[in-house]
Structure formats: structure tokens, C-alpha cells
Amino acid sequence: MVNVGTPSDGLMAPRLPTIDADSTNAGGCGGASRQSAAERRKALRKRLPPWFKTSLPTGDAQTRYNETRSSVHEHGLHTVCEEARCPNVHDCWGRGTATFMVAGEVCTRGCRFCAVGTEKIPPALDASEPSELAEAVARMGLDHAVITVVNRDDLKDGGAGHYRDCILAVNERCPEVGLELLCSDLDGNLEALGDLLDNLPLRVFAHNVECVPRLDSVVRDSRASFEQSLGVLREARRLRPDILIKSSIMVGLGETDEEVSEAMRLLFEAGVEMLTLGQYLQPSDRHLPVDRFPEPEQFASWDGEARQIGFKAVASGPLVRSSYRAGLLWREARGGVPILLGGQVEI
């Protein structure tokens, strides 16, 4: 999932959706110089507010960060931490945790918020990926691992079979590690979802709605929708009542506070038990601009509201991403201590 996520730079130049086409500068004698579209987009980017501060790891945390980075790269794996340019990469990797992204480093969709590169027909799936992933998870000594995916609309099952192979390989190699799958919508293919989840050894099934329903056409690829995502979440709840269901919402894309509240209610009614809310950050000048930066107090308000609605675990804060401290959030859903207090991340 998320994002402001934690992603890695891809090797291929991403084909990102543009807000408008570049124009050439105009000017001359007595004429005003005109900015190009790219220059206008850059000028309109909002400055980060003062509460957006992260610290680099030191000491043991720096060592764990280096070890995690080396393990990921040595096995040729992709992480959403790097691909989505997540602001929490130093924090999470400094704790020896990472969210792995499988099925390639490019996506078949072109959502306007996402830093992951897009290709209509990505490279073929890597048959060695499940075993490489399992080995990396084993070497990192994790107790909770998140495996997320790119959309693979080029495949008949949306990539479900490969995602399943990856989960099973990790479980076979590391049966003590709790697993969380942050899944795509599989293009609404509920049969493929059923095949994927059948007796799959998971703690958490997650799928992100990303934004409020009204903004679907602005934020997400045309093949995605809030209603389709709800359908996936409902079916996952029906198929696997034994595991926890999770979703995530980004804010700062043009939604209202009331729309966030309604989206939370719709998710809860669909069977979602774990919820994260975080601030959208513009990955580049070619992505959607940030509409607003809700203050930490507003995130604290959403946190309280989500708990009143009935969610078992909530992470709501400016720097929160869908997989941020996922193991701690799972423990909260199982009766543990909340990981967020007053809208601020508890370190």
C-alpha cells in the first residue's frame, strides 16, 4: 500500500500523468516573460508546514537501517518505502522493518498521486521473487512483514497467483513471522480474490481506498473506484472472518472534513477494522498539487472519531502511511496500546 509511502527509485523512466502540457516561454521587446507549465507547477507547490520533521537514525538504528537497505538491494527486491518515496523510510528501516513490493517495480495504472512508474505492459513476473523475498525476510529477523503489490492489469488474475506464491514462500521459510498483504483491487475480480485468500496464512488483508469517493476521477486511475475497493474489502471480510481487514485514506487532495468522516463510516460498514489516515505529499511537480495541510489537531480529531465509529486500531497523523509501524497497529487491534496519541506519532 502508502502513498506518501516508502518507495525505491525505479530503473525505468516513469510515464506519469501530467496536469497540463508544457508551454514555451514567451517574451521579447516590451513583452512579459511567461512561465512554462512546469515552472508554474513548481511555483505552486506548497511549503511543508513546521510539523513535517523527521530525524535520521543514529547508532544502532543507523546500523539496522544500513542492514535492511543492504538486504533489500542484495536480493533485488523493491520496497514501497523507496518506490513511493515514503518520509518514514529512515524510521522504519532503522527498526529493521520494511514493506516489500512484489510483481515488479512499475504499475499498469497511472494514479495521479503515486510515485511508482507506470507501464501498459510491464516486464514478466520474476519466478525467483518468492524465494528471494522469503530469504530477505528471514535475514532481517522480522516478526511482522508487509507485502504490497503493484497493479498487474495485464495478467488475467491481476497478479493474484504470484502474490499468493510470495506469501506462501515467506510463511514456509519464516512461519513465525506475521504477514500482512496490502493488495490491489485485482480489477474487481472477486474470483481471483477468493483464490488468493483461500487458507492464505495472513494476519491482515489490506486494500487502500486512497481518497474520498468524490475525488476518484481526479486522484485515481480510471480503472479504480471507491465502490470497487469497498467491494474487495467486503468480500475479503466475508471470505476471511478470521483475519483483520485494513484500509487507508490520504487527505490534502481536495476533500472536506465531512467527506473524510463519511468515508470512514463507509469503510467500517464494509467490514474494515484497521484504519490509517495520512497527509498526501506531492511526489513531483507532475503530480497532483497538495490542496491543504490539516494540522495535527485535526488528525487527532479524526483519530477519536474513527475510534467512536468502532475501528479496532487507528493511526492518524501527518506522516502516517498505510504500512507505517504495521506490526504495532496489528497489536493495537488485538488489544494493545494505541501507537498514536494526540495526533502525534509516539516514538
Protein backbone atom coordinates (compact mmCIF):
# COMPACT_ATOMS: atom_id res chain seq x y z
CA MET A 1 0.00 0.00 0.00
CA VAL A 2 1.24 4.34 1.18
CA ASN A 3 1.40 6.56 -0.75
CA VAL A 4 3.05 9.01 0.94
CA GLY A 5 4.76 5.63 1.15
CA THR A 6 8.36 4.45 1.26
CA PRO A 7 9.36 3.64 -2.32
CA SER A 8 12.53 2.99 -4.32
CA ASP A 9 13.61 4.76 -7.44
CA GLY A 10 12.82 2.61 -10.48
CA LEU A 11 15.26 1.97 -13.29
CA MET A 12 12.77 2.92 -15.99
CA ALA A 13 11.62 6.45 -16.59
CA PRO A 14 8.05 6.53 -15.24
CA ARG A 15 5.28 7.66 -17.54
CA LEU A 16 3.49 9.89 -15.10
CA PRO A 17 0.19 11.64 -15.77
CA THR A 18 0.55 15.35 -16.35
CA ILE A 19 -1.58 18.20 -15.09
CA ASP A 20 -1.18 20.08 -18.35
CA ALA A 21 1.22 20.21 -21.28
CA ASP A 22 4.41 22.25 -21.11
CA SER A 23 4.40 25.55 -22.92
CA THR A 24 7.31 27.61 -24.20
CA ASN A 25 8.43 30.91 -22.70
CA ALA A 26 7.15 33.96 -24.48
CA GLY A 27 8.62 37.42 -24.28
CA GLY A 28 10.69 39.95 -26.15
CA CYS A 29 10.73 43.69 -26.53
CA GLY A 30 8.18 45.09 -24.15
CA GLY A 31 6.59 41.67 -23.67
CA ALA A 32 6.21 39.95 -20.31
CA SER A 33 8.06 36.67 -19.91
CA ARG A 34 5.66 33.75 -19.50
CA GLN A 35 6.40 30.75 -17.30
CA SER A 36 6.24 27.27 -18.74
CA ALA A 37 3.65 24.89 -17.33
CA ALA A 38 6.40 23.03 -15.46
CA GLU A 39 7.63 26.27 -13.88
CA ARG A 40 4.09 27.23 -12.87
CA ARG A 41 3.54 23.83 -11.25
CA LYS A 42 6.78 24.14 -9.31
CA ALA A 43 5.92 27.66 -8.16
CA LEU A 44 2.52 26.49 -6.91
CA ARG A 45 3.91 23.71 -4.73
CA LYS A 46 3.10 24.39 -1.10
CA ARG A 47 5.84 24.57 1.51
CA LEU A 48 5.77 21.86 4.14
CA PRO A 49 4.41 23.10 7.48
CA PRO A 50 6.68 23.04 10.55
CA TRP A 51 5.28 19.77 11.92
CA PHE A 52 6.77 17.82 8.99
CA LYS A 53 10.06 16.91 10.58
CA THR A 54 11.80 13.54 10.63
CA SER A 55 15.18 12.64 12.08
CA LEU A 56 17.91 10.47 10.63
CA PRO A 57 18.80 7.28 12.51
CA THR A 58 21.91 7.14 14.64
CA GLY A 59 23.80 4.42 16.48
CA ASP A 60 22.08 1.03 16.45
CA ALA A 61 19.21 2.44 14.38
CA GLN A 62 21.67 3.58 11.70
CA THR A 63 23.21 0.10 11.68
CA ARG A 64 19.78 -1.53 11.28
CA TYR A 65 18.90 0.93 8.52
CA ASN A 66 22.07 0.00 6.60
CA GLU A 67 21.49 -3.74 7.13
CA THR A 68 17.88 -3.50 5.95
CA ARG A 69 18.85 -1.49 2.89
CA SER A 70 21.62 -3.94 2.02
CA SER A 71 19.32 -6.96 2.41
CA VAL A 72 16.66 -5.42 0.20
CA HIS A 73 19.08 -4.47 -2.56
CA GLU A 74 21.14 -7.65 -2.38
CA HIS A 75 18.07 -9.73 -3.22
CA GLY A 76 16.92 -7.39 -5.99
CA LEU A 77 13.72 -6.59 -4.10
CA HIS A 78 11.56 -3.48 -4.36
CA THR A 79 10.08 -1.71 -1.36
CA VAL A 80 7.17 0.68 -1.32
CA CYS A 81 9.33 2.61 1.13
CA GLU A 82 11.64 3.62 -1.71
CA GLU A 83 9.24 3.47 -4.69
CA ALA A 84 6.66 5.75 -3.04
CA ARG A 85 9.33 8.00 -1.53
CA CYS A 86 7.95 7.48 1.97
CA PRO A 87 9.12 10.04 4.54
CA ASN A 88 9.35 7.32 7.21
CA VAL A 89 11.96 5.16 5.48
CA HIS A 90 14.71 6.00 7.99
CA ASP A 91 12.42 5.39 10.96
CA CYS A 92 11.08 2.05 9.70
CA TRP A 93 14.33 0.73 8.24
CA GLY A 94 16.11 1.91 11.39
CA ARG A 95 13.84 -0.53 13.24
CA GLY A 96 14.75 -3.32 10.84
CA THR A 97 11.36 -3.36 9.10
CA ALA A 98 10.31 -2.76 5.51
CA THR A 99 7.28 -3.04 3.27
CA PHE A 100 8.15 -5.18 0.26
CA MET A 101 6.62 -4.51 -3.14
CA VAL A 102 6.23 -7.55 -5.37
CA ALA A 103 5.33 -8.21 -9.03
CA GLY A 104 7.75 -5.65 -10.38
CA GLU A 105 8.73 -2.01 -9.94
CA VAL A 106 6.24 -0.50 -12.38
CA CYS A 107 2.44 -0.46 -12.29
CA THR A 108 -0.13 -0.77 -15.07
CA ARG A 109 -2.07 2.18 -13.69
CA GLY A 110 -1.38 5.90 -13.67
CA CYS A 111 -2.88 7.26 -10.46
CA ARG A 112 -2.14 10.96 -10.18
CA PHE A 113 -0.82 10.81 -6.61
CA CYS A 114 1.61 7.91 -6.95
CA ALA A 115 5.38 8.00 -7.48
CA VAL A 116 5.61 4.43 -8.78
CA GLY A 117 6.35 4.29 -12.51
CA THR A 118 3.71 3.08 -14.97
CA GLU A 119 3.86 0.78 -18.00
CA LYS A 120 0.98 -0.61 -20.04
CA ILE A 121 2.77 -3.96 -20.33
CA PRO A 122 5.35 -4.40 -17.53
CA PRO A 123 8.14 -6.97 -17.63
CA ALA A 124 7.19 -10.59 -16.98
CA LEU A 125 6.86 -11.76 -13.39
CA ASP A 126 10.09 -12.94 -11.78
CA ALA A 127 9.71 -16.62 -10.85
CA SER A 128 12.53 -16.31 -8.30
CA GLU A 129 10.88 -13.43 -6.45
CA PRO A 130 9.01 -15.55 -3.85
CA SER A 131 12.18 -17.35 -2.73
CA GLU A 132 14.28 -14.15 -2.77
CA LEU A 133 11.62 -12.39 -0.71
CA ALA A 134 11.47 -15.22 1.80
CA GLU A 135 15.25 -15.19 2.20
CA ALA A 136 15.32 -11.42 2.75
CA VAL A 137 12.56 -11.56 5.39
CA ALA A 138 14.41 -14.38 7.18
CA ARG A 139 17.69 -12.44 7.20
CA MET A 140 16.04 -9.29 8.57
CA GLY A 141 14.64 -11.08 11.62
CA LEU A 142 11.15 -9.57 11.37
CA ASP A 143 8.15 -10.50 13.46
CA HIS A 144 5.63 -8.75 11.15
CA ALA A 145 6.19 -8.23 7.43
CA VAL A 146 4.07 -6.25 4.98
CA ILE A 147 3.97 -7.36 1.35
CA THR A 148 2.39 -4.90 -1.05
CA VAL A 149 1.89 -5.15 -4.79
CA VAL A 150 1.71 -3.16 -7.98
CA ASN A 151 -1.41 -3.41 -10.14
CA ARG A 152 -0.97 -6.00 -12.88
CA ASP A 153 -3.99 -5.45 -15.12
CA ASP A 154 -2.02 -7.16 -17.90
CA LEU A 155 -2.50 -10.52 -16.13
CA LYS A 156 -5.75 -12.49 -16.21
CA ASP A 157 -5.88 -12.85 -12.42
CA GLY A 158 -4.46 -9.39 -11.74
CA GLY A 159 -1.34 -11.00 -10.28
CA ALA A 160 -3.21 -12.86 -7.51
CA GLY A 161 -1.42 -16.15 -8.13
CA HIS A 162 2.01 -14.53 -7.84
CA TYR A 163 1.02 -12.63 -4.71
CA ARG A 164 -0.10 -15.92 -3.18
CA ASP A 165 3.17 -17.62 -4.11
CA CYS A 166 5.11 -14.84 -2.37
CA ILE A 167 3.08 -15.10 0.85
CA LEU A 168 3.35 -18.89 0.93
CA ALA A 169 7.11 -18.81 0.32
CA VAL A 170 7.68 -16.39 3.19
CA ASN A 171 5.44 -18.40 5.51
CA GLU A 172 7.22 -21.64 4.66
CA ARG A 173 10.64 -20.09 5.25
CA CYS A 174 9.61 -17.99 8.30
CA PRO A 175 6.46 -19.50 9.90
CA GLU A 176 6.95 -17.32 12.99
CA VAL A 177 6.62 -14.06 11.03
CA GLY A 178 3.16 -12.46 10.95
CA LEU A 179 2.18 -11.47 7.41
CA GLU A 180 0.16 -8.55 6.09
CA LEU A 181 -0.83 -8.26 2.43
CA LEU A 182 -1.53 -4.81 1.03
CA CYS A 183 -3.34 -5.87 -2.12
CA SER A 184 -4.50 -4.22 -5.34
CA ASP A 185 -8.20 -4.29 -6.30
CA LEU A 186 -7.44 -7.07 -8.83
CA ASP A 187 -9.59 -5.05 -11.25
CA GLY A 188 -12.63 -6.12 -9.22
CA ASN A 189 -12.05 -9.84 -9.91
CA LEU A 190 -13.60 -11.39 -6.79
CA GLU A 191 -12.98 -14.93 -8.04
CA ALA A 192 -9.25 -14.20 -8.16
CA LEU A 193 -9.53 -12.67 -4.68
CA GLY A 194 -11.11 -15.90 -3.44
CA ASP A 195 -8.31 -17.99 -4.91
CA LEU A 196 -5.74 -15.66 -3.36
CA LEU A 197 -7.19 -15.72 0.16
CA ASP A 198 -8.07 -19.41 0.35
CA ASN A 199 -6.30 -20.62 3.52
CA LEU A 200 -3.61 -17.98 2.98
CA PRO A 201 -1.53 -17.53 6.18
CA LEU A 202 -2.23 -13.87 6.91
CA ARG A 203 -2.70 -11.65 9.93
CA VAL A 204 -4.02 -8.69 7.94
CA PHE A 205 -5.55 -8.15 4.50
CA ALA A 206 -5.27 -4.52 3.44
CA HIS A 207 -6.52 -2.59 0.45
CA ASN A 208 -6.45 1.20 0.25
CA VAL A 209 -9.32 3.37 -0.98
CA GLU A 210 -6.78 6.26 -1.14
CA CYS A 211 -9.26 9.17 -1.27
CA VAL A 212 -12.90 10.08 -0.64
CA PRO A 213 -15.41 8.87 -3.28
CA ARG A 214 -15.94 12.26 -4.94
CA LEU A 215 -12.26 12.54 -5.86
CA ASP A 216 -11.90 9.14 -7.54
CA SER A 217 -11.79 10.57 -11.06
CA VAL A 218 -9.27 13.24 -10.04
CA VAL A 219 -6.89 11.16 -7.95
CA ARG A 220 -7.04 7.54 -9.11
CA ASP A 221 -6.70 5.72 -12.41
CA SER A 222 -9.99 5.33 -14.28
CA ARG A 223 -9.96 1.58 -13.59
CA ALA A 224 -10.13 2.19 -9.84
CA SER A 225 -13.01 3.47 -7.73
CA PHE A 226 -14.06 3.77 -4.10
CA GLU A 227 -17.02 1.46 -4.73
CA GLN A 228 -14.88 -1.21 -6.38
CA SER A 229 -12.44 -1.02 -3.47
CA LEU A 230 -15.32 -1.37 -1.00
CA GLY A 231 -16.42 -4.48 -2.89
CA VAL A 232 -12.96 -6.02 -2.48
CA LEU A 233 -12.89 -5.18 1.24
CA ARG A 234 -16.39 -6.56 1.83
CA GLU A 235 -15.56 -9.80 0.04
CA ALA A 236 -12.31 -10.19 1.94
CA ARG A 237 -14.25 -9.76 5.19
CA ARG A 238 -16.76 -12.39 4.07
CA LEU A 239 -14.14 -14.86 2.90
CA ARG A 240 -11.79 -14.50 5.86
CA PRO A 241 -13.60 -13.59 9.10
CA ASP A 242 -10.53 -14.91 10.95
CA ILE A 243 -8.15 -12.11 9.84
CA LEU A 244 -8.14 -8.34 10.23
CA ILE A 245 -9.17 -6.04 7.35
CA LYS A 246 -7.40 -2.70 6.87
CA SER A 247 -7.63 0.37 4.62
CA SER A 248 -6.13 3.84 4.27
CA ILE A 249 -7.20 7.36 3.30
CA MET A 250 -4.99 10.25 2.17
CA VAL A 251 -6.02 13.83 2.91
CA GLY A 252 -4.93 17.06 1.27
CA LEU A 253 -6.35 16.21 -2.15
CA GLY A 254 -9.38 18.49 -2.09
CA GLU A 255 -11.70 16.64 0.29
CA THR A 256 -13.70 18.21 3.11
CA ASP A 257 -13.60 17.11 6.74
CA GLU A 258 -17.19 15.88 6.38
CA GLU A 259 -16.22 13.71 3.39
CA VAL A 260 -13.43 12.12 5.41
CA SER A 261 -15.94 11.27 8.15
CA GLU A 262 -18.35 9.73 5.64
CA ALA A 263 -15.56 7.71 4.02
CA MET A 264 -14.59 6.32 7.41
CA ARG A 265 -18.19 5.24 8.05
CA LEU A 266 -18.41 3.54 4.65
CA LEU A 267 -15.21 1.63 5.33
CA PHE A 268 -16.39 0.47 8.73
CA GLU A 269 -19.71 -0.69 7.28
CA ALA A 270 -17.76 -2.71 4.68
CA GLY A 271 -16.01 -4.64 7.46
CA VAL A 272 -12.76 -2.69 7.81
CA GLU A 273 -11.34 -2.88 11.35
CA MET A 274 -7.99 -1.10 10.99
CA LEU A 275 -7.65 2.40 9.54
CA THR A 276 -4.80 4.77 8.72
CA LEU A 277 -5.12 8.43 7.73
CA GLY A 278 -2.18 10.47 6.49
CA GLN A 279 -1.19 13.58 4.59
CA TYR A 280 -0.75 13.42 0.82
CA LEU A 281 2.59 14.82 -0.32
CA GLN A 282 3.21 15.70 -3.95
CA PRO A 283 5.97 13.35 -5.25
CA SER A 284 6.94 15.67 -8.11
CA ASP A 285 5.80 18.75 -9.99
CA ARG A 286 3.98 16.48 -12.46
CA HIS A 287 1.69 15.01 -9.80
CA LEU A 288 -1.42 16.46 -8.23
CA PRO A 289 -0.67 19.50 -6.07
CA VAL A 290 -1.43 19.43 -2.34
CA ASP A 291 -4.73 21.16 -1.61
CA ARG A 292 -4.23 21.64 2.14
CA PHE A 293 -2.23 20.57 5.18
CA PRO A 294 -4.62 19.72 8.02
CA GLU A 295 -2.96 20.44 11.36
CA PRO A 296 -2.05 17.66 13.81
CA GLU A 297 -5.08 18.58 15.91
CA GLN A 298 -7.37 17.69 13.01
CA PHE A 299 -5.69 14.31 12.65
CA ALA A 300 -6.22 13.81 16.38
CA SER A 301 -9.90 14.61 15.89
CA TRP A 302 -10.20 12.03 13.10
CA ASP A 303 -8.40 9.53 15.31
CA GLY A 304 -11.01 9.98 18.05
CA GLU A 305 -13.90 9.91 15.59
CA ALA A 306 -12.65 6.67 14.00
CA ARG A 307 -12.48 5.02 17.41
CA GLN A 308 -16.01 6.17 18.20
CA ILE A 309 -17.19 4.65 14.92
CA GLY A 310 -15.76 1.35 16.10
CA PHE A 311 -12.39 0.74 14.41
CA LYS A 312 -10.17 -1.59 16.45
CA ALA A 313 -6.94 0.20 15.54
CA VAL A 314 -6.29 3.67 14.14
CA ALA A 315 -3.17 5.54 13.02
CA SER A 316 -3.94 9.15 12.14
CA GLY A 317 -1.22 11.74 11.65
CA PRO A 318 0.50 13.88 9.02
CA LEU A 319 3.35 11.41 8.42
CA VAL A 320 1.27 8.24 8.76
CA ARG A 321 1.29 5.88 5.78
CA SER A 322 -0.76 2.74 5.24
CA SER A 323 2.04 0.38 6.33
CA TYR A 324 3.63 2.60 8.97
CA ARG A 325 4.50 0.55 12.06
CA ALA A 326 2.12 -2.09 10.81
CA GLY A 327 3.07 -4.62 13.46
CA LEU A 328 2.28 -2.18 16.26
CA LEU A 329 -1.06 -1.35 14.67
CA TRP A 330 -1.88 -5.07 14.45
CA ARG A 331 -1.09 -5.40 18.15
CA GLU A 332 -3.38 -2.47 18.91
CA ALA A 333 -6.20 -4.20 17.04
CA ARG A 334 -5.57 -7.20 19.26
CA GLY A 335 -5.91 -5.10 22.40
CA GLY A 336 -2.52 -3.42 22.60
CA VAL A 337 -1.64 0.22 23.32
CA PRO A 338 -2.50 2.78 20.57
CA ILE A 339 0.56 3.92 18.64
CA LEU A 340 -0.71 7.48 18.14
CA LEU A 341 -1.53 9.97 20.87
CA GLY A 342 -2.96 13.44 20.24
CA GLY A 343 -2.35 13.20 16.50
CA GLN A 344 1.39 12.84 17.02
CA VAL A 345 3.45 9.76 16.32
CA GLU A 346 4.59 8.13 19.54
CA ILE A 347 8.28 7.33 19.12
